[in-house]
Amino acid sequence: MDETCQHLAYREEGEGKSFDTARAFCTVTESFVQPMRADICNARYELDPAADCEFYVGSEAETTSDDADRGDGGAE
């Protein structure tokens, strides 16, 4: 997998603090994540966010479920 997780962002500040180096932030959990979690998000070491991250999988399932609930297949 060549792409990174769509739910990972890097921030230089948060939770009332600023950082010298940007830290990995998960937009699903709305929290900063440990470097190993960022490795999954960045598809390092043959890891796949879609398969190896329970937050990503849960978020994608919610999106699919929401689309199905609307009955429009996700069309807006």
Protein backbone atom coordinates (compact mmCIF):
# COMPACT_ATOMS: atom_id res chain seq x y z
CA MET A 1 0.00 0.00 0.00
CA ASP A 2 1.50 3.31 -1.05
CA GLU A 3 -1.00 5.70 0.54
CA THR A 4 -1.14 6.79 4.14
CA CYS A 5 -4.23 6.60 6.31
CA GLN A 6 -6.71 9.34 5.53
CA HIS A 7 -7.35 9.73 9.27
CA LEU A 8 -3.78 10.68 10.22
CA ALA A 9 -2.66 14.29 10.50
CA TYR A 10 0.50 15.84 11.89
CA ARG A 11 0.11 18.74 14.28
CA GLU A 12 2.62 21.01 15.94
CA GLU A 13 0.24 21.96 18.72
CA GLY A 14 -2.70 20.55 20.61
CA GLU A 15 -4.11 19.90 24.04
CA GLY A 16 -2.80 23.30 25.12
CA LYS A 17 0.81 22.47 24.17
CA SER A 18 3.11 23.20 21.25
CA PHE A 19 5.76 20.79 19.95
CA ASP A 20 9.13 21.29 18.27
CA THR A 21 8.32 18.39 15.93
CA ALA A 22 4.86 17.66 14.56
CA ARG A 23 3.14 14.72 16.27
CA ALA A 24 0.79 12.15 14.74
CA PHE A 25 -2.89 12.90 15.43
CA CYS A 26 -5.72 10.45 14.68
CA THR A 27 -8.83 12.27 13.49
CA VAL A 28 -11.03 9.24 14.29
CA THR A 29 -10.10 9.08 17.97
CA GLU A 30 -9.40 12.84 18.14
CA SER A 31 -6.16 12.13 19.98
CA PHE A 32 -2.42 12.06 19.47
CA VAL A 33 -1.12 8.56 18.78
CA GLN A 34 2.06 6.70 19.60
CA PRO A 35 4.75 6.28 16.92
CA MET A 36 3.85 2.60 16.38
CA ARG A 37 0.26 3.59 15.59
CA ALA A 38 1.60 6.17 13.13
CA ASP A 39 3.66 3.39 11.50
CA ILE A 40 0.40 1.57 10.81
CA CYS A 41 -1.19 4.76 9.50
CA ASN A 42 1.77 5.41 7.22
CA ALA A 43 1.74 1.81 5.92
CA ARG A 44 5.28 1.19 7.12
CA TYR A 45 6.69 -2.31 7.58
CA GLU A 46 4.07 -3.78 5.22
CA LEU A 47 1.25 -2.66 7.54
CA ASP A 48 -2.07 -1.66 5.98
CA PRO A 49 -4.28 0.91 7.76
CA ALA A 50 -7.43 -0.59 6.24
CA ALA A 51 -6.58 -4.04 7.61
CA ASP A 52 -4.35 -3.40 10.63
CA CYS A 53 -5.98 -0.40 12.37
CA GLU A 54 -9.18 -1.00 14.30
CA PHE A 55 -9.93 2.73 14.31
CA TYR A 56 -9.71 2.97 10.51
CA VAL A 57 -11.79 -0.18 10.02
CA GLY A 58 -14.41 1.05 12.50
CA SER A 59 -14.58 4.47 10.86
CA GLU A 60 -14.97 2.99 7.38
CA ALA A 61 -17.73 0.65 8.63
CA GLU A 62 -19.60 3.61 10.13
CA THR A 63 -19.36 5.50 6.84
CA THR A 64 -20.67 2.51 4.90
CA SER A 65 -23.44 1.98 7.45
CA ASP A 66 -24.43 5.66 7.33
CA ASP A 67 -24.57 5.52 3.52
CA ALA A 68 -26.73 2.41 3.62
CA ASP A 69 -29.04 3.98 6.22
CA ARG A 70 -29.62 6.94 3.90
CA GLY A 71 -30.47 4.50 1.11
CA ASP A 72 -28.57 6.55 -1.45
CA GLY A 73 -25.38 4.52 -1.69
CA GLY A 74 -23.40 7.52 -0.41
CA ALA A 75 -24.48 9.92 -3.14
CA GLU A 76 -24.93 13.48 -2.04
